[in-house]
Structure formats: C-alpha cells, structure tokens
C-alpha atoms as a PDB file:
ATOM      1  CA  MET A   1     -13.437   6.148   8.073  1.00  0.00           C
ATOM      2  CA  ILE A   2     -11.489   3.272   9.640  1.00  0.00           C
ATOM      3  CA  THR A   3     -13.443   0.856   7.449  1.00  0.00           C
ATOM      4  CA  ARG A   4     -12.527   2.797   4.299  1.00  0.00           C
ATOM      5  CA  ILE A   5      -8.863   2.861   5.323  1.00  0.00           C
ATOM      6  CA  GLY A   6      -8.912  -0.892   5.943  1.00  0.00           C
ATOM      7  CA  LEU A   7     -10.598  -1.638   2.617  1.00  0.00           C
ATOM      8  CA  ALA A   8      -8.098   0.533   0.753  1.00  0.00           C
ATOM      9  CA  ALA A   9      -5.250  -1.196   2.621  1.00  0.00           C
ATOM     10  CA  GLY A  10      -6.541  -4.519   1.335  1.00  0.00           C
ATOM     11  CA  LYS A  11      -6.598  -3.164  -2.215  1.00  0.00           C
ATOM     12  CA  ILE A  12      -3.033  -1.901  -1.826  1.00  0.00           C
ATOM     13  CA  TRP A  13      -1.896  -5.296  -0.545  1.00  0.00           C
ATOM     14  CA  GLU A  14      -3.594  -7.040  -3.487  1.00  0.00           C
ATOM     15  CA  HIS A  15      -2.000  -4.613  -5.954  1.00  0.00           C
ATOM     16  CA  LEU A  16       1.475  -5.176  -4.519  1.00  0.00           C
ATOM     17  CA  ASP A  17       0.983  -8.940  -4.319  1.00  0.00           C
ATOM     18  CA  ALA A  18       0.126  -9.047  -8.035  1.00  0.00           C
ATOM     19  CA  GLN A  19       3.313  -7.159  -9.022  1.00  0.00           C
ATOM     20  CA  ASP A  20       6.645  -8.768  -9.853  1.00  0.00           C
ATOM     21  CA  LYS A  21       8.524  -5.703  -8.625  1.00  0.00           C
ATOM     22  CA  PRO A  22       8.089  -2.792  -6.211  1.00  0.00           C
ATOM     23  CA  SER A  23       5.533  -0.155  -7.197  1.00  0.00           C
ATOM     24  CA  GLN A  24       5.733   3.607  -7.212  1.00  0.00           C
ATOM     25  CA  LEU A  25       3.316   5.537  -5.009  1.00  0.00           C
ATOM     26  CA  GLY A  26       1.786   7.315  -8.003  1.00  0.00           C
ATOM     27  CA  ASP A  27       1.117   4.008  -9.758  1.00  0.00           C
ATOM     28  CA  ILE A  28      -0.685   2.631  -6.707  1.00  0.00           C
ATOM     29  CA  ILE A  29      -2.835   5.739  -6.371  1.00  0.00           C
ATOM     30  CA  SER A  30      -3.730   5.623 -10.074  1.00  0.00           C
ATOM     31  CA  SER A  31      -4.552   1.933 -10.111  1.00  0.00           C
ATOM     32  CA  LEU A  32      -6.795   2.087  -7.024  1.00  0.00           C
ATOM     33  CA  GLU A  33      -8.731   5.146  -8.154  1.00  0.00           C
ATOM     34  CA  GLU A  34      -8.938   6.257  -4.519  1.00  0.00           C
ATOM     35  CA  ASP A  35      -8.284   9.631  -2.940  1.00  0.00           C
ATOM     36  CA  ARG A  36      -4.552  10.203  -2.409  1.00  0.00           C
ATOM     37  CA  ASP A  37      -5.026  10.966   1.292  1.00  0.00           C
ATOM     38  CA  LEU A  38      -6.941   7.722   1.841  1.00  0.00           C
ATOM     39  CA  VAL A  39      -4.197   5.742   0.079  1.00  0.00           C
ATOM     40  CA  LEU A  40      -1.527   7.402   2.216  1.00  0.00           C
ATOM     41  CA  MET A  41      -3.439   6.653   5.427  1.00  0.00           C
ATOM     42  CA  SER A  42      -3.854   3.039   4.330  1.00  0.00           C
ATOM     43  CA  MET A  43      -0.188   2.734   3.486  1.00  0.00           C
ATOM     44  CA  GLY A  44       0.693   4.093   6.912  1.00  0.00           C
ATOM     45  CA  TRP A  45      -1.483   1.394   8.431  1.00  0.00           C
ATOM     46  CA  LEU A  46       0.198  -1.311   6.346  1.00  0.00           C
ATOM     47  CA  ALA A  47       3.671   0.021   7.162  1.00  0.00           C
ATOM     48  CA  ARG A  48       2.924   0.179  10.891  1.00  0.00           C
ATOM     49  CA  GLU A  49       1.684  -3.405  10.835  1.00  0.00           C
ATOM     50  CA  GLY A  50       4.816  -4.522   8.969  1.00  0.00           C
ATOM     51  CA  HIS A  51       3.034  -5.522   5.758  1.00  0.00           C
ATOM     52  CA  ILE A  52       4.897  -3.133   3.446  1.00  0.00           C
ATOM     53  CA  VAL A  53       8.317  -1.555   3.104  1.00  0.00           C
ATOM     54  CA  MET A  54       8.662   1.957   1.713  1.00  0.00           C
ATOM     55  CA  SER A  55      11.939   3.312   0.353  1.00  0.00           C
ATOM     56  CA  GLY A  56      13.289   6.293  -1.509  1.00  0.00           C
ATOM     57  CA  LYS A  57      12.386   9.918  -1.151  1.00  0.00           C
ATOM     58  CA  GLY A  58       9.036  11.576  -1.749  1.00  0.00           C
ATOM     59  CA  PRO A  59       6.884  12.314  -3.437  1.00  0.00           C
ATOM     60  CA  ASN A  60       7.048   9.027  -5.333  1.00  0.00           C
ATOM     61  CA  TYR A  61       8.216   6.402  -2.850  1.00  0.00           C
ATOM     62  CA  THR A  62       8.849   2.813  -3.874  1.00  0.00           C
ATOM     63  CA  ILE A  63       6.623   0.348  -2.042  1.00  0.00           C
ATOM     64  CA  LYS A  64       6.786  -3.429  -1.797  1.00  0.00           C
ATOM     65  CA  LEU A  65       5.375  -6.141   0.419  1.00  0.00           C
ATOM     66  CA  SER A  66       7.524  -7.230   3.347  1.00  0.00           C
ATOM     67  CA  GLN A  67       9.239 -10.583   3.183  1.00  0.00           C
ATOM     68  CA  HIS A  68       6.633 -12.228   5.397  1.00  0.00           C
ATOM     69  CA  LYS A  69       3.688 -11.764   3.047  1.00  0.00           C
ATOM     70  CA  GLY A  70       1.226 -14.257   4.365  1.00  0.00           C
ATOM     71  CA  GLY A  71      -1.904 -12.397   3.372  1.00  0.00           C
ATOM     72  CA  TYR A  72      -3.644  -9.283   4.555  1.00  0.00           C
ATOM     73  CA  ASN A  73      -6.008  -9.532   7.505  1.00  0.00           C
ATOM     74  CA  GLY A  74      -6.685  -5.797   8.011  1.00  0.00           C
END
C-alpha cells in the first residue's frame, strides 16, 4: 500500500506542477482516476513532507505546491 500511496503522490505533484493556479481536491481526484481515499492519503503524505499547501474548508480544499518546489522524491 505504501508504494501505491507514493506513486499517487507523485501523480499529484505532477498534476499540481503542470497547473498555473491552485487546484480543487475534486479536480485532482478526477484527473488522477484514483480512489478518493488513496488520493487523500497521498495528499497527507505530501502535506506532511511540506510539498503541498492545502487551504479552505472541506470537502473541496484548494491545493498548491509549496514555494520550494524542487521536484518530488517520494
């Protein structure tokens, strides 16, 4: 399961890196075509590691890469 979470985290990072603006949680889930729970676990991983910043109130948080986006090394 850890491998799946890490792979999904990489996909999330790539999605956010390709955007010109923050993304909504629902848009990320739709674009990845992954299970919502897996996406949420992966986003928790990215947030804990300081790769993303989440704002707003649920259920559709706004997510963006942190200022120090040097690449994802999950």
